[in-house]
Amino acid sequence: NLGLALFQAGDSDKDWHEVYRSYQILSRLPAGDPQVLATLGAIFLQQNRPEVAARLLKQASDAEPLNGRFAFLSGVALDTKGDQQGAITELRRSIDLDRSIPDPYHKLSEIYARMGLSSLSRQFQKDYLRFMPQNIIERRNQ
């Protein structure tokens, strides 16, 4: 895919003109391939561009509403953007879609801790262990 190749080249060389050009190509895809949108969103999130990341990840999540990973990434982007309520909604949706992914539990726990809601923070850690009691790493971190 020319757009992704240009994006990778522009990102690695820090050539923002190539990144922009690749974004223009990729954004014109007919239906918006959810995997491409999510990949671009994750890259923009790494580049500390949460507004663009949140928009792309929302599009990916809307295109594949049953994908818990896309909902998680959308929640991370919204949190980074400063939209805690939107992030909480997406992270809870991610858990509803796939309870076995630990990341949304951790992120929700982190958000609630920042909000001063330590009991909710601990509750999400416990909820994950209740669902996945065999996860030794998580149990050790408690």
N, C-alpha and C. Protein backbone atom coordinates (compact mmCIF):
# COMPACT_ATOMS: atom_id res chain seq x y z
N ASN A 1 0.84 -1.17 0.00
CA ASN A 1 0.00 0.00 0.00
C ASN A 1 0.89 1.25 0.00
N LEU A 2 0.76 2.05 -1.03
CA LEU A 2 1.58 3.24 -1.19
C LEU A 2 1.44 4.19 -0.01
N GLY A 3 0.22 4.40 0.44
CA GLY A 3 -0.01 5.33 1.54
C GLY A 3 0.71 4.92 2.80
N LEU A 4 0.63 3.64 3.18
CA LEU A 4 1.31 3.17 4.39
C LEU A 4 2.83 3.23 4.22
N ALA A 5 3.32 2.90 3.02
CA ALA A 5 4.76 2.97 2.77
C ALA A 5 5.26 4.40 2.92
N LEU A 6 4.54 5.35 2.34
CA LEU A 6 4.93 6.76 2.48
C LEU A 6 4.87 7.19 3.94
N PHE A 7 3.87 6.72 4.64
CA PHE A 7 3.72 7.09 6.05
C PHE A 7 4.91 6.59 6.85
N GLN A 8 5.27 5.32 6.64
CA GLN A 8 6.41 4.75 7.37
C GLN A 8 7.70 5.49 7.03
N ALA A 9 7.89 5.78 5.76
CA ALA A 9 9.10 6.49 5.34
C ALA A 9 9.14 7.89 5.94
N GLY A 10 8.04 8.59 5.86
CA GLY A 10 7.98 9.94 6.41
C GLY A 10 8.15 9.95 7.91
N ASP A 11 7.58 8.96 8.59
CA ASP A 11 7.68 8.89 10.04
C ASP A 11 9.11 8.60 10.47
N SER A 12 9.77 7.65 9.80
CA SER A 12 11.13 7.29 10.20
C SER A 12 12.12 8.40 9.88
N ASP A 13 11.89 9.13 8.80
CA ASP A 13 12.78 10.24 8.43
C ASP A 13 12.35 11.57 9.04
N LYS A 14 11.24 11.56 9.77
CA LYS A 14 10.66 12.78 10.35
C LYS A 14 10.37 13.81 9.26
N ASP A 15 9.97 13.29 8.09
CA ASP A 15 9.58 14.15 6.97
C ASP A 15 8.06 14.28 6.99
N TRP A 16 7.58 15.34 7.61
CA TRP A 16 6.14 15.51 7.83
C TRP A 16 5.38 15.76 6.53
N HIS A 17 6.08 16.19 5.49
CA HIS A 17 5.42 16.35 4.19
C HIS A 17 5.02 14.98 3.63
N GLU A 18 5.91 13.99 3.79
CA GLU A 18 5.59 12.63 3.34
C GLU A 18 4.48 12.03 4.20
N VAL A 19 4.53 12.31 5.49
CA VAL A 19 3.48 11.82 6.38
C VAL A 19 2.14 12.40 5.96
N TYR A 20 2.11 13.71 5.72
CA TYR A 20 0.87 14.36 5.31
C TYR A 20 0.39 13.81 3.97
N ARG A 21 1.31 13.63 3.03
CA ARG A 21 0.95 13.09 1.71
C ARG A 21 0.37 11.70 1.85
N SER A 22 0.98 10.88 2.69
CA SER A 22 0.47 9.52 2.88
C SER A 22 -0.90 9.55 3.54
N TYR A 23 -1.08 10.46 4.49
CA TYR A 23 -2.38 10.58 5.14
C TYR A 23 -3.45 10.95 4.12
N GLN A 24 -3.11 11.84 3.20
CA GLN A 24 -4.06 12.24 2.16
C GLN A 24 -4.46 11.04 1.31
N ILE A 25 -3.49 10.21 0.96
CA ILE A 25 -3.78 9.02 0.14
C ILE A 25 -4.66 8.05 0.93
N LEU A 26 -4.24 7.76 2.17
CA LEU A 26 -4.96 6.77 2.97
C LEU A 26 -6.35 7.24 3.37
N SER A 27 -6.51 8.52 3.57
CA SER A 27 -7.82 9.01 4.01
C SER A 27 -8.85 8.96 2.89
N ARG A 28 -8.41 8.77 1.65
CA ARG A 28 -9.34 8.70 0.53
C ARG A 28 -9.76 7.28 0.19
N LEU A 29 -9.33 6.31 0.99
CA LEU A 29 -9.76 4.93 0.73
C LEU A 29 -11.28 4.89 0.80
N PRO A 30 -11.92 4.16 -0.11
CA PRO A 30 -13.38 4.19 -0.21
C PRO A 30 -14.12 3.97 1.10
N ALA A 31 -13.91 2.84 1.73
CA ALA A 31 -14.69 2.55 2.94
C ALA A 31 -13.88 2.79 4.20
N GLY A 32 -12.62 3.06 4.07
CA GLY A 32 -11.77 3.25 5.23
C GLY A 32 -11.48 1.91 5.89
N ASP A 33 -10.41 1.29 5.47
CA ASP A 33 -10.01 0.00 6.03
C ASP A 33 -9.75 0.17 7.52
N PRO A 34 -10.49 -0.52 8.37
CA PRO A 34 -10.35 -0.32 9.82
C PRO A 34 -8.94 -0.59 10.34
N GLN A 35 -8.26 -1.60 9.77
CA GLN A 35 -6.90 -1.91 10.23
C GLN A 35 -5.94 -0.77 9.89
N VAL A 36 -6.08 -0.21 8.70
CA VAL A 36 -5.23 0.93 8.30
C VAL A 36 -5.54 2.12 9.20
N LEU A 37 -6.81 2.40 9.43
CA LEU A 37 -7.19 3.52 10.29
C LEU A 37 -6.63 3.35 11.70
N ALA A 38 -6.74 2.13 12.23
CA ALA A 38 -6.24 1.87 13.59
C ALA A 38 -4.73 1.99 13.64
N THR A 39 -4.05 1.49 12.61
CA THR A 39 -2.58 1.60 12.58
C THR A 39 -2.15 3.06 12.52
N LEU A 40 -2.79 3.82 11.65
CA LEU A 40 -2.48 5.25 11.57
C LEU A 40 -2.79 5.95 12.89
N GLY A 41 -3.93 5.62 13.49
CA GLY A 41 -4.28 6.22 14.77
C GLY A 41 -3.24 5.92 15.83
N ALA A 42 -2.77 4.68 15.88
CA ALA A 42 -1.75 4.31 16.86
C ALA A 42 -0.44 5.06 16.62
N ILE A 43 -0.09 5.24 15.35
CA ILE A 43 1.13 5.99 15.03
C ILE A 43 0.99 7.45 15.45
N PHE A 44 -0.15 8.05 15.15
CA PHE A 44 -0.37 9.44 15.55
C PHE A 44 -0.40 9.57 17.08
N LEU A 45 -0.89 8.56 17.75
CA LEU A 45 -0.89 8.57 19.21
C LEU A 45 0.54 8.54 19.74
N GLN A 46 1.39 7.72 19.13
CA GLN A 46 2.81 7.68 19.52
C GLN A 46 3.51 9.00 19.25
N GLN A 47 3.05 9.71 18.25
CA GLN A 47 3.65 11.00 17.90
C GLN A 47 3.05 12.15 18.71
N ASN A 48 2.25 11.80 19.72
CA ASN A 48 1.61 12.78 20.58
C ASN A 48 0.70 13.73 19.79
N ARG A 49 -0.10 13.14 18.91
CA ARG A 49 -1.10 13.88 18.15
C ARG A 49 -2.46 13.26 18.43
N PRO A 50 -2.92 13.39 19.69
CA PRO A 50 -4.11 12.65 20.12
C PRO A 50 -5.39 13.05 19.42
N GLU A 51 -5.51 14.28 18.93
CA GLU A 51 -6.75 14.68 18.25
C GLU A 51 -6.93 13.88 16.98
N VAL A 52 -5.87 13.79 16.18
CA VAL A 52 -5.94 13.03 14.93
C VAL A 52 -6.09 11.55 15.25
N ALA A 53 -5.33 11.07 16.24
CA ALA A 53 -5.40 9.66 16.63
C ALA A 53 -6.81 9.28 17.06
N ALA A 54 -7.43 10.13 17.89
CA ALA A 54 -8.77 9.83 18.39
C ALA A 54 -9.77 9.74 17.25
N ARG A 55 -9.65 10.63 16.28
CA ARG A 55 -10.58 10.61 15.14
C ARG A 55 -10.41 9.34 14.31
N LEU A 56 -9.16 8.98 14.02
CA LEU A 56 -8.90 7.78 13.21
C LEU A 56 -9.32 6.51 13.95
N LEU A 57 -9.02 6.46 15.23
CA LEU A 57 -9.36 5.27 16.00
C LEU A 57 -10.87 5.14 16.19
N LYS A 58 -11.56 6.25 16.28
CA LYS A 58 -13.02 6.23 16.36
C LYS A 58 -13.60 5.68 15.06
N GLN A 59 -13.02 6.11 13.92
CA GLN A 59 -13.48 5.60 12.63
C GLN A 59 -13.24 4.09 12.53
N ALA A 60 -12.07 3.64 13.00
CA ALA A 60 -11.77 2.20 12.97
C ALA A 60 -12.74 1.44 13.86
N SER A 61 -12.98 1.99 15.04
CA SER A 61 -13.88 1.34 15.99
C SER A 61 -15.32 1.33 15.48
N ASP A 62 -15.74 2.40 14.83
CA ASP A 62 -17.08 2.44 14.25
C ASP A 62 -17.23 1.44 13.09
N ALA A 63 -16.14 1.27 12.33
CA ALA A 63 -16.18 0.35 11.20
C ALA A 63 -16.19 -1.11 11.66
N GLU A 64 -15.55 -1.38 12.81
CA GLU A 64 -15.55 -2.73 13.39
C GLU A 64 -15.99 -2.63 14.84
N PRO A 65 -17.28 -2.44 15.08
CA PRO A 65 -17.77 -2.18 16.43
C PRO A 65 -17.59 -3.33 17.41
N LEU A 66 -17.26 -4.51 16.92
CA LEU A 66 -17.06 -5.65 17.82
C LEU A 66 -15.59 -5.91 18.11
N ASN A 67 -14.71 -4.99 17.71
CA ASN A 67 -13.28 -5.15 17.93
C ASN A 67 -12.89 -4.45 19.23
N GLY A 68 -12.63 -5.24 20.26
CA GLY A 68 -12.28 -4.69 21.57
C GLY A 68 -10.97 -3.94 21.58
N ARG A 69 -10.03 -4.36 20.74
CA ARG A 69 -8.72 -3.69 20.69
C ARG A 69 -8.87 -2.27 20.13
N PHE A 70 -9.70 -2.12 19.10
CA PHE A 70 -9.92 -0.79 18.53
C PHE A 70 -10.59 0.12 19.56
N ALA A 71 -11.55 -0.43 20.31
CA ALA A 71 -12.22 0.36 21.36
C ALA A 71 -11.21 0.77 22.42
N PHE A 72 -10.30 -0.14 22.78
CA PHE A 72 -9.26 0.20 23.76
C PHE A 72 -8.38 1.34 23.26
N LEU A 73 -7.88 1.20 22.04
CA LEU A 73 -7.01 2.25 21.48
C LEU A 73 -7.74 3.58 21.38
N SER A 74 -9.01 3.54 21.02
CA SER A 74 -9.81 4.76 20.97
C SER A 74 -9.89 5.39 22.36
N GLY A 75 -10.08 4.57 23.37
CA GLY A 75 -10.11 5.08 24.75
C GLY A 75 -8.80 5.71 25.17
N VAL A 76 -7.69 5.10 24.79
CA VAL A 76 -6.38 5.66 25.12
C VAL A 76 -6.19 7.02 24.46
N ALA A 77 -6.58 7.11 23.19
CA ALA A 77 -6.45 8.37 22.46
C ALA A 77 -7.32 9.46 23.10
N LEU A 78 -8.55 9.10 23.46
CA LEU A 78 -9.44 10.08 24.09
C LEU A 78 -8.88 10.55 25.43
N ASP A 79 -8.32 9.62 26.20
CA ASP A 79 -7.71 10.01 27.48
C ASP A 79 -6.53 10.94 27.26
N THR A 80 -5.69 10.61 26.30
CA THR A 80 -4.52 11.43 25.99
C THR A 80 -4.96 12.82 25.53
N LYS A 81 -6.07 12.88 24.84
CA LYS A 81 -6.63 14.14 24.35
C LYS A 81 -7.26 14.96 25.49
N GLY A 82 -7.53 14.29 26.62
CA GLY A 82 -8.11 14.99 27.77
C GLY A 82 -9.59 14.73 27.96
N ASP A 83 -10.16 13.83 27.16
CA ASP A 83 -11.57 13.50 27.26
C ASP A 83 -11.73 12.24 28.12
N GLN A 84 -11.70 12.43 29.44
CA GLN A 84 -11.76 11.28 30.35
C GLN A 84 -13.08 10.52 30.25
N GLN A 85 -14.18 11.22 30.14
CA GLN A 85 -15.48 10.54 30.07
C GLN A 85 -15.60 9.71 28.79
N GLY A 86 -15.14 10.28 27.68
CA GLY A 86 -15.15 9.52 26.43
C GLY A 86 -14.24 8.30 26.52
N ALA A 87 -13.09 8.49 27.16
CA ALA A 87 -12.15 7.38 27.34
C ALA A 87 -12.76 6.27 28.19
N ILE A 88 -13.41 6.66 29.29
CA ILE A 88 -14.04 5.68 30.16
C ILE A 88 -15.10 4.88 29.40
N THR A 89 -15.89 5.56 28.60
CA THR A 89 -16.93 4.89 27.80
C THR A 89 -16.31 3.86 26.86
N GLU A 90 -15.27 4.27 26.12
CA GLU A 90 -14.63 3.36 25.17
C GLU A 90 -13.93 2.20 25.87
N LEU A 91 -13.28 2.48 26.99
CA LEU A 91 -12.57 1.42 27.71
C LEU A 91 -13.55 0.40 28.30
N ARG A 92 -14.66 0.88 28.80
CA ARG A 92 -15.69 -0.04 29.32
C ARG A 92 -16.27 -0.87 28.17
N ARG A 93 -16.44 -0.24 27.02
CA ARG A 93 -16.94 -0.97 25.85
C ARG A 93 -15.94 -2.04 25.43
N SER A 94 -14.65 -1.71 25.50
CA SER A 94 -13.60 -2.67 25.18
C SER A 94 -13.69 -3.89 26.09
N ILE A 95 -13.90 -3.65 27.37
CA ILE A 95 -14.04 -4.76 28.33
C ILE A 95 -15.28 -5.58 28.00
N ASP A 96 -16.38 -4.92 27.69
CA ASP A 96 -17.60 -5.64 27.35
C ASP A 96 -17.40 -6.53 26.12
N LEU A 97 -16.57 -6.07 25.18
CA LEU A 97 -16.35 -6.83 23.95
C LEU A 97 -15.38 -7.99 24.14
N ASP A 98 -14.36 -7.80 24.99
CA ASP A 98 -13.37 -8.85 25.22
C ASP A 98 -12.81 -8.71 26.63
N ARG A 99 -13.38 -9.43 27.55
CA ARG A 99 -13.02 -9.32 28.96
C ARG A 99 -11.61 -9.83 29.25
N SER A 100 -11.00 -10.56 28.32
CA SER A 100 -9.69 -11.15 28.57
C SER A 100 -8.52 -10.20 28.33
N ILE A 101 -8.74 -9.06 27.70
CA ILE A 101 -7.66 -8.10 27.44
C ILE A 101 -7.41 -7.30 28.72
N PRO A 102 -6.21 -7.36 29.31
CA PRO A 102 -5.97 -6.65 30.56
C PRO A 102 -5.80 -5.13 30.41
N ASP A 103 -5.40 -4.67 29.24
CA ASP A 103 -5.07 -3.25 29.06
C ASP A 103 -6.20 -2.28 29.43
N PRO A 104 -7.45 -2.53 29.01
CA PRO A 104 -8.50 -1.57 29.37
C PRO A 104 -8.75 -1.49 30.88
N TYR A 105 -8.59 -2.61 31.57
CA TYR A 105 -8.74 -2.59 33.03
C TYR A 105 -7.67 -1.69 33.65
N HIS A 106 -6.43 -1.86 33.17
CA HIS A 106 -5.32 -1.04 33.70
C HIS A 106 -5.54 0.44 33.42
N LYS A 107 -5.96 0.73 32.19
CA LYS A 107 -6.16 2.13 31.82
C LYS A 107 -7.30 2.76 32.63
N LEU A 108 -8.39 2.02 32.79
CA LEU A 108 -9.48 2.53 33.62
C LEU A 108 -9.03 2.74 35.05
N SER A 109 -8.26 1.81 35.57
CA SER A 109 -7.74 1.93 36.92
C SER A 109 -6.87 3.20 37.05
N GLU A 110 -6.05 3.44 36.05
CA GLU A 110 -5.19 4.63 36.02
C GLU A 110 -6.02 5.92 35.97
N ILE A 111 -7.03 5.94 35.12
CA ILE A 111 -7.88 7.14 34.99
C ILE A 111 -8.60 7.41 36.30
N TYR A 112 -9.20 6.38 36.89
CA TYR A 112 -9.92 6.57 38.14
C TYR A 112 -8.97 7.02 39.26
N ALA A 113 -7.75 6.50 39.28
CA ALA A 113 -6.77 6.93 40.28
C ALA A 113 -6.45 8.42 40.10
N ARG A 114 -6.27 8.85 38.85
CA ARG A 114 -6.00 10.28 38.59
C ARG A 114 -7.18 11.15 39.00
N MET A 115 -8.38 10.60 38.90
CA MET A 115 -9.58 11.35 39.28
C MET A 115 -9.80 11.34 40.80
N GLY A 116 -8.93 10.62 41.52
CA GLY A 116 -9.07 10.54 42.97
C GLY A 116 -10.10 9.51 43.41
N LEU A 117 -10.46 8.61 42.52
CA LEU A 117 -11.45 7.58 42.83
C LEU A 117 -10.74 6.24 43.03
N SER A 118 -9.99 6.16 44.13
CA SER A 118 -9.14 4.98 44.35
C SER A 118 -9.94 3.69 44.51
N SER A 119 -11.15 3.77 45.07
CA SER A 119 -11.93 2.53 45.22
C SER A 119 -12.33 1.97 43.85
N LEU A 120 -12.70 2.84 42.91
CA LEU A 120 -13.02 2.38 41.55
C LEU A 120 -11.76 1.86 40.86
N SER A 121 -10.65 2.51 41.12
CA SER A 121 -9.38 2.10 40.54
C SER A 121 -9.06 0.66 40.96
N ARG A 122 -9.15 0.39 42.24
CA ARG A 122 -8.88 -0.96 42.75
C ARG A 122 -9.92 -1.97 42.25
N GLN A 123 -11.15 -1.52 42.12
CA GLN A 123 -12.22 -2.41 41.68
C GLN A 123 -11.94 -2.97 40.28
N PHE A 124 -11.42 -2.16 39.37
CA PHE A 124 -11.15 -2.65 38.03
C PHE A 124 -9.99 -3.65 38.03
N GLN A 125 -9.03 -3.44 38.91
CA GLN A 125 -7.95 -4.42 39.03
C GLN A 125 -8.51 -5.75 39.53
N LYS A 126 -9.38 -5.70 40.51
CA LYS A 126 -10.00 -6.92 41.06
C LYS A 126 -10.92 -7.58 40.03
N ASP A 127 -11.65 -6.76 39.27
CA ASP A 127 -12.55 -7.32 38.26
C ASP A 127 -11.80 -8.17 37.24
N TYR A 128 -10.64 -7.69 36.82
CA TYR A 128 -9.86 -8.45 35.86
C TYR A 128 -9.42 -9.78 36.47
N LEU A 129 -8.92 -9.74 37.69
CA LEU A 129 -8.47 -10.98 38.33
C LEU A 129 -9.62 -11.94 38.59
N ARG A 130 -10.80 -11.41 38.83
CA ARG A 130 -11.96 -12.26 39.02
C ARG A 130 -12.28 -13.00 37.71
N PHE A 131 -12.10 -12.31 36.59
CA PHE A 131 -12.39 -12.92 35.30
C PHE A 131 -11.24 -13.82 34.83
N MET A 132 -10.00 -13.42 35.13
CA MET A 132 -8.81 -14.16 34.68
C MET A 132 -7.95 -14.55 35.89
N PRO A 133 -8.42 -15.39 36.77
CA PRO A 133 -7.67 -15.72 37.99
C PRO A 133 -6.35 -16.43 37.72
N GLN A 134 -6.21 -17.03 36.55
CA GLN A 134 -4.99 -17.76 36.22
C GLN A 134 -3.84 -16.83 35.81
N ASN A 135 -4.09 -15.53 35.69
CA ASN A 135 -3.04 -14.60 35.26
C ASN A 135 -2.10 -14.31 36.45
N ILE A 136 -1.02 -15.04 36.48
CA ILE A 136 -0.08 -14.97 37.60
C ILE A 136 0.59 -13.60 37.69
N ILE A 137 0.92 -13.03 36.55
CA ILE A 137 1.60 -11.72 36.54
C ILE A 137 0.72 -10.67 37.17
N GLU A 138 -0.56 -10.65 36.80
CA GLU A 138 -1.48 -9.67 37.37
C GLU A 138 -1.67 -9.91 38.86
N ARG A 139 -1.76 -11.16 39.24
CA ARG A 139 -1.96 -11.49 40.64
C ARG A 139 -0.75 -11.04 41.46
N ARG A 140 0.45 -11.22 40.92
CA ARG A 140 1.68 -10.81 41.61
C ARG A 140 1.73 -9.28 41.77
N ASN A 141 1.20 -8.54 40.79
CA ASN A 141 1.25 -7.08 40.84
C ASN A 141 0.24 -6.48 41.83
N GLN A 142 -0.63 -7.30 42.37
CA GLN A 142 -1.63 -6.79 43.31
C GLN A 142 -1.05 -6.46 44.65
